[in-house]
N, C-alpha and C. Protein backbone atom coordinates (compact mmCIF):
# COMPACT_ATOMS: atom_id res chain seq x y z
N MET A 1 101.88 -113.43 -68.59
CA MET A 1 101.00 -113.81 -69.29
C MET A 1 101.22 -113.16 -71.13
N ARG A 2 101.37 -113.38 -71.97
CA ARG A 2 101.06 -112.45 -72.85
C ARG A 2 99.86 -112.03 -73.63
N GLU A 3 99.56 -111.09 -73.72
CA GLU A 3 98.45 -110.26 -73.88
C GLU A 3 97.93 -111.41 -75.75
N ILE A 4 96.61 -111.56 -75.69
CA ILE A 4 96.48 -112.07 -76.93
C ILE A 4 95.65 -111.39 -77.30
N LYS A 5 96.23 -110.36 -78.37
CA LYS A 5 95.36 -109.55 -79.22
C LYS A 5 95.91 -109.50 -81.22
N PHE A 6 94.54 -108.69 -81.46
CA PHE A 6 94.66 -109.04 -83.54
C PHE A 6 94.38 -107.39 -83.89
N ARG A 7 94.96 -107.55 -84.79
CA ARG A 7 94.35 -106.53 -85.71
C ARG A 7 94.29 -106.88 -86.91
N GLN A 8 93.24 -105.81 -87.41
CA GLN A 8 92.60 -106.88 -88.75
C GLN A 8 92.79 -105.52 -89.98
N TRP A 9 93.29 -105.50 -91.37
CA TRP A 9 93.19 -104.52 -91.85
C TRP A 9 92.00 -104.91 -92.91
N ALA A 10 91.57 -104.03 -92.95
CA ALA A 10 89.91 -104.14 -93.93
C ALA A 10 89.36 -102.54 -93.62
N ARG A 11 88.96 -102.20 -95.06
CA ARG A 11 88.17 -100.84 -94.80
C ARG A 11 89.64 -99.57 -95.10
N GLY A 12 90.25 -100.39 -95.49
CA GLY A 12 91.57 -99.18 -95.73
C GLY A 12 91.89 -98.39 -94.41
N ARG A 13 91.91 -99.38 -93.19
CA ARG A 13 92.31 -99.19 -91.58
C ARG A 13 92.23 -99.92 -91.20
N PHE A 14 93.20 -100.16 -89.52
CA PHE A 14 93.08 -101.22 -88.77
C PHE A 14 92.32 -100.89 -87.95
N HIS A 15 91.58 -102.27 -87.59
CA HIS A 15 90.46 -102.28 -86.02
C HIS A 15 90.86 -103.45 -85.48
N TYR A 16 91.32 -102.97 -84.31
CA TYR A 16 92.16 -103.51 -83.12
C TYR A 16 91.16 -104.89 -82.09
N PHE A 17 91.53 -105.65 -81.85
CA PHE A 17 90.61 -106.50 -81.67
C PHE A 17 90.93 -107.78 -80.36
N GLY A 18 90.50 -108.26 -79.65
CA GLY A 18 91.03 -109.44 -78.60
C GLY A 18 90.46 -109.66 -77.51
N PHE A 19 90.86 -110.38 -76.78
CA PHE A 19 90.22 -110.98 -75.53
C PHE A 19 90.00 -109.85 -74.26
N THR A 20 88.71 -109.18 -73.99
CA THR A 20 88.98 -108.19 -72.69
C THR A 20 88.82 -108.40 -71.40
N GLU A 21 88.58 -109.86 -71.74
CA GLU A 21 88.69 -110.65 -70.06
C GLU A 21 88.29 -112.07 -70.29
N PRO A 22 89.02 -113.08 -69.18
CA PRO A 22 88.50 -114.34 -69.41
C PRO A 22 87.39 -114.42 -69.64
N GLY A 23 87.49 -115.22 -71.59
CA GLY A 23 86.04 -116.11 -71.79
C GLY A 23 85.29 -114.88 -73.02
N CYS A 24 85.62 -113.38 -72.67
CA CYS A 24 85.20 -112.81 -73.75
C CYS A 24 85.95 -112.06 -75.17
N PHE A 25 85.55 -112.53 -76.32
CA PHE A 25 86.04 -112.06 -77.45
C PHE A 25 85.20 -111.22 -77.91
N ILE A 26 86.30 -110.09 -78.38
CA ILE A 26 85.59 -109.18 -79.10
C ILE A 26 86.27 -109.45 -80.85
N GLY A 27 85.51 -110.06 -81.84
CA GLY A 27 86.27 -110.47 -82.51
C GLY A 27 85.79 -109.26 -84.23
N PRO A 28 86.62 -109.94 -84.91
CA PRO A 28 86.74 -108.93 -86.10
C PRO A 28 85.84 -108.65 -86.76
N ILE A 29 85.69 -107.54 -87.66
CA ILE A 29 84.52 -107.13 -88.07
C ILE A 29 83.80 -106.99 -89.25
N THR A 30 84.62 -108.35 -90.00
CA THR A 30 84.36 -109.58 -90.76
C THR A 30 84.96 -110.59 -90.83
N SER A 31 84.11 -111.56 -91.37
CA SER A 31 84.33 -112.90 -91.40
C SER A 31 84.69 -113.75 -92.66
N ASN A 32 84.56 -112.47 -93.84
CA ASN A 32 85.30 -113.25 -95.20
C ASN A 32 86.76 -113.86 -95.18
N GLU A 33 86.85 -114.51 -95.91
CA GLU A 33 88.30 -115.08 -96.06
C GLU A 33 89.20 -113.97 -96.70
N GLU A 34 88.83 -113.13 -97.16
CA GLU A 34 90.06 -112.14 -97.48
C GLU A 34 90.61 -111.09 -96.28
N ALA A 35 89.44 -110.63 -95.18
CA ALA A 35 90.11 -110.94 -93.99
C ALA A 35 90.46 -111.37 -93.08
N HIS A 36 90.56 -112.79 -92.98
CA HIS A 36 90.87 -113.76 -92.63
C HIS A 36 92.73 -113.16 -92.69
N ALA A 37 92.86 -113.37 -93.97
CA ALA A 37 94.26 -113.11 -94.27
C ALA A 37 94.86 -111.90 -93.94
N ASN A 38 94.05 -111.18 -93.52
CA ASN A 38 94.69 -109.58 -93.10
C ASN A 38 94.68 -109.63 -91.63
N THR A 39 94.39 -110.57 -90.87
CA THR A 39 94.51 -110.38 -89.50
C THR A 39 95.67 -110.99 -89.41
N HIS A 40 96.27 -110.14 -88.12
CA HIS A 40 97.68 -109.98 -87.66
C HIS A 40 97.46 -109.96 -85.58
N GLN A 41 98.19 -110.93 -85.44
CA GLN A 41 98.69 -111.47 -84.13
C GLN A 41 99.28 -110.18 -83.54
N PHE A 42 99.11 -109.91 -82.18
CA PHE A 42 100.36 -109.08 -81.28
C PHE A 42 101.27 -110.44 -80.89
N THR A 43 103.05 -110.03 -81.12
CA THR A 43 103.51 -110.69 -80.55
C THR A 43 104.12 -110.58 -79.49
N GLY A 44 103.61 -109.98 -79.01
CA GLY A 44 103.84 -109.69 -77.15
C GLY A 44 104.67 -108.87 -77.01
N LEU A 45 105.50 -108.38 -78.16
CA LEU A 45 107.14 -107.33 -78.27
C LEU A 45 106.76 -105.78 -78.51
N ARG A 46 107.32 -105.29 -77.93
CA ARG A 46 107.44 -103.60 -78.13
C ARG A 46 108.72 -103.35 -78.74
N ASP A 47 108.64 -102.36 -79.47
CA ASP A 47 109.62 -101.63 -80.57
C ASP A 47 110.38 -101.19 -79.28
N LYS A 48 111.63 -100.03 -79.57
CA LYS A 48 112.37 -99.20 -78.97
C LYS A 48 111.86 -98.18 -78.43
N ASN A 49 110.53 -97.52 -79.13
CA ASN A 49 109.83 -96.36 -78.40
C ASN A 49 108.35 -96.75 -77.78
N GLY A 50 108.72 -98.20 -77.36
CA GLY A 50 107.55 -98.65 -76.77
C GLY A 50 106.39 -99.06 -77.95
N LYS A 51 106.03 -99.06 -79.06
CA LYS A 51 104.94 -99.36 -79.63
C LYS A 51 104.90 -101.19 -80.19
N GLU A 52 103.80 -101.63 -79.78
CA GLU A 52 103.01 -102.89 -80.12
C GLU A 52 103.87 -103.33 -81.66
N ILE A 53 104.56 -104.61 -81.69
CA ILE A 53 104.73 -105.36 -82.66
C ILE A 53 103.88 -106.56 -83.37
N TYR A 54 103.37 -106.35 -84.07
CA TYR A 54 102.06 -107.30 -84.80
C TYR A 54 102.53 -107.89 -86.03
N GLU A 55 102.24 -109.07 -86.09
CA GLU A 55 102.50 -110.10 -86.93
C GLU A 55 102.20 -108.80 -88.54
N GLY A 56 103.17 -108.85 -89.86
CA GLY A 56 102.51 -107.62 -90.83
C GLY A 56 103.37 -106.55 -90.88
N ASP A 57 103.87 -106.42 -89.50
CA ASP A 57 104.85 -104.72 -89.33
C ASP A 57 105.75 -104.86 -89.86
N ILE A 58 106.57 -104.37 -90.55
CA ILE A 58 108.52 -103.52 -90.76
C ILE A 58 109.12 -103.13 -89.52
N VAL A 59 109.98 -104.31 -89.23
CA VAL A 59 110.86 -103.47 -87.97
C VAL A 59 112.18 -103.54 -88.90
N LYS A 60 112.97 -102.20 -88.41
CA LYS A 60 113.99 -101.68 -88.50
C LYS A 60 115.28 -102.29 -87.42
N GLY A 61 116.24 -103.03 -87.80
CA GLY A 61 117.52 -103.17 -86.79
C GLY A 61 118.98 -103.34 -87.68
N SER A 62 120.07 -103.58 -86.99
CA SER A 62 121.45 -103.25 -87.84
C SER A 62 121.49 -104.06 -89.10
N ALA A 63 120.74 -105.14 -88.97
CA ALA A 63 120.85 -105.94 -90.11
C ALA A 63 119.61 -105.32 -91.28
N GLY A 64 119.02 -104.33 -90.96
CA GLY A 64 117.67 -104.33 -92.32
C GLY A 64 116.84 -104.08 -91.82
N TRP A 65 116.04 -103.95 -93.17
CA TRP A 65 114.45 -104.05 -92.16
C TRP A 65 113.63 -105.16 -92.77
N LEU A 66 112.61 -105.88 -92.00
CA LEU A 66 111.91 -107.18 -92.29
C LEU A 66 110.71 -107.44 -92.07
N PRO A 67 110.27 -108.02 -92.58
CA PRO A 67 108.19 -107.80 -91.94
C PRO A 67 108.57 -108.94 -91.05
N VAL A 68 107.80 -108.80 -90.15
CA VAL A 68 107.13 -109.50 -88.85
C VAL A 68 106.48 -110.75 -89.19
N GLU A 69 106.67 -112.18 -88.94
CA GLU A 69 105.68 -113.02 -89.93
C GLU A 69 106.17 -114.24 -88.59
N TRP A 70 104.99 -114.89 -88.83
CA TRP A 70 105.07 -116.53 -88.18
C TRP A 70 106.20 -117.23 -89.14
N ARG A 71 107.16 -118.36 -87.95
CA ARG A 71 107.66 -118.87 -89.14
C ARG A 71 107.62 -120.52 -88.17
N GLY A 72 106.74 -121.17 -88.16
CA GLY A 72 107.07 -122.21 -87.15
C GLY A 72 106.57 -122.32 -85.73
N ALA A 73 107.59 -122.46 -85.22
CA ALA A 73 107.71 -122.17 -83.49
C ALA A 73 108.02 -120.86 -82.80
N GLN A 74 108.51 -119.85 -83.95
CA GLN A 74 108.68 -118.64 -83.36
C GLN A 74 108.54 -117.30 -84.54
N TRP A 75 108.66 -115.69 -84.16
CA TRP A 75 108.52 -115.22 -84.76
C TRP A 75 109.83 -115.08 -85.64
N GLY A 76 109.33 -114.62 -87.15
CA GLY A 76 109.90 -114.47 -87.99
C GLY A 76 111.47 -113.73 -87.91
N PHE A 77 111.99 -113.25 -87.25
CA PHE A 77 113.16 -112.82 -87.36
C PHE A 77 114.43 -113.53 -86.44
N SER A 78 115.88 -112.96 -86.65
CA SER A 78 116.61 -113.59 -86.00
C SER A 78 117.27 -113.45 -84.42
N ASN A 79 117.55 -114.21 -83.82
CA ASN A 79 117.89 -113.71 -82.82
C ASN A 79 118.84 -112.83 -82.48
N VAL A 80 119.74 -112.24 -83.44
CA VAL A 80 120.78 -111.16 -83.38
C VAL A 80 119.51 -109.84 -83.45
N MET A 81 118.44 -109.85 -83.96
CA MET A 81 117.51 -108.66 -84.22
C MET A 81 116.64 -108.28 -82.85
N TRP A 82 116.59 -109.77 -82.80
CA TRP A 82 115.60 -109.76 -81.00
C TRP A 82 116.48 -109.01 -79.54
N ASN A 83 117.88 -109.00 -79.72
CA ASN A 83 118.51 -108.31 -78.61
C ASN A 83 119.06 -107.64 -78.86
N GLU A 84 118.82 -106.68 -80.07
CA GLU A 84 119.29 -104.90 -80.17
C GLU A 84 117.74 -104.38 -79.97
N LYS A 85 118.07 -102.80 -80.03
CA LYS A 85 116.63 -102.16 -80.61
C LYS A 85 116.27 -101.76 -81.60
N ILE A 86 115.22 -102.50 -81.86
CA ILE A 86 114.61 -102.75 -82.92
C ILE A 86 113.37 -101.23 -83.13
N GLU A 87 112.94 -101.26 -84.30
CA GLU A 87 111.89 -100.21 -84.59
C GLU A 87 110.45 -100.56 -85.52
N VAL A 88 109.34 -100.21 -85.56
CA VAL A 88 108.56 -99.96 -85.80
C VAL A 88 108.65 -99.42 -87.10
N ILE A 89 108.77 -99.88 -88.57
CA ILE A 89 109.04 -98.78 -89.88
C ILE A 89 107.94 -98.51 -90.27
N GLY A 90 106.52 -99.23 -90.17
CA GLY A 90 105.60 -99.66 -91.00
C GLY A 90 105.13 -100.54 -90.81
N ASN A 91 104.39 -100.93 -92.14
CA ASN A 91 103.33 -102.53 -92.36
C ASN A 91 103.15 -102.89 -93.71
N ILE A 92 102.77 -104.06 -93.83
CA ILE A 92 102.68 -104.13 -95.44
C ILE A 92 101.79 -104.09 -95.94
N HIS A 93 100.77 -103.37 -95.72
CA HIS A 93 99.72 -103.04 -96.00
C HIS A 93 99.71 -101.21 -96.35
N GLU A 94 100.13 -100.49 -95.57
CA GLU A 94 100.56 -99.09 -95.85
C GLU A 94 101.59 -98.87 -96.20
N ASN A 95 102.63 -99.91 -96.05
CA ASN A 95 104.08 -99.47 -96.52
C ASN A 95 104.77 -100.37 -97.09
N PRO A 96 103.99 -100.96 -98.18
CA PRO A 96 104.08 -102.44 -99.28
C PRO A 96 105.73 -101.99 -100.03
N GLU A 97 105.74 -100.45 -100.48
CA GLU A 97 107.03 -100.28 -100.67
C GLU A 97 108.54 -100.74 -100.19
N LEU A 98 108.11 -100.80 -98.77
CA LEU A 98 109.45 -101.23 -97.52
C LEU A 98 109.92 -102.77 -98.23
N LEU A 99 108.82 -103.24 -98.77
CA LEU A 99 109.05 -104.64 -99.05
C LEU A 99 110.00 -105.29 -99.87
N ASN A 100 109.79 -104.35 -100.92
CA ASN A 100 110.99 -104.07 -102.48
C ASN A 100 111.64 -102.88 -102.73
N PRO A 101 112.59 -102.43 -101.94
CA PRO A 101 113.54 -101.49 -102.02
C PRO A 101 114.47 -100.93 -103.12
N SER A 102 114.27 -99.78 -104.29
CA SER A 102 114.44 -100.00 -105.50
C SER A 102 116.02 -100.37 -105.30
N ILE A 103 116.80 -100.60 -105.88
CA ILE A 103 118.39 -100.31 -105.97
C ILE A 103 118.99 -99.36 -106.57
N GLU A 104 119.14 -98.56 -105.93
CA GLU A 104 120.24 -96.41 -106.54
C GLU A 104 121.68 -97.09 -106.93
């Protein structure tokens, strides 16, 4: 069974929370709408270095890099990328420049 964990970008850093035992939930540090939009779920997967992959992370594989997001019924990148060794290279809060790389 996949661990249910979250992280929230607030006050300039990530805060981690989730279920610590059945029926016990450690909640986010704030409950406003902006904080809700900055809360990301753990995918249950790890990159080639063993780092946990969260929604909002930016991962790199042979097809380039892209942000991890939930798309309907699956995490948002192709099956090709899941079958290879991917690496977390940043996230949408600390590395927004990775989302729009400049063309040289």
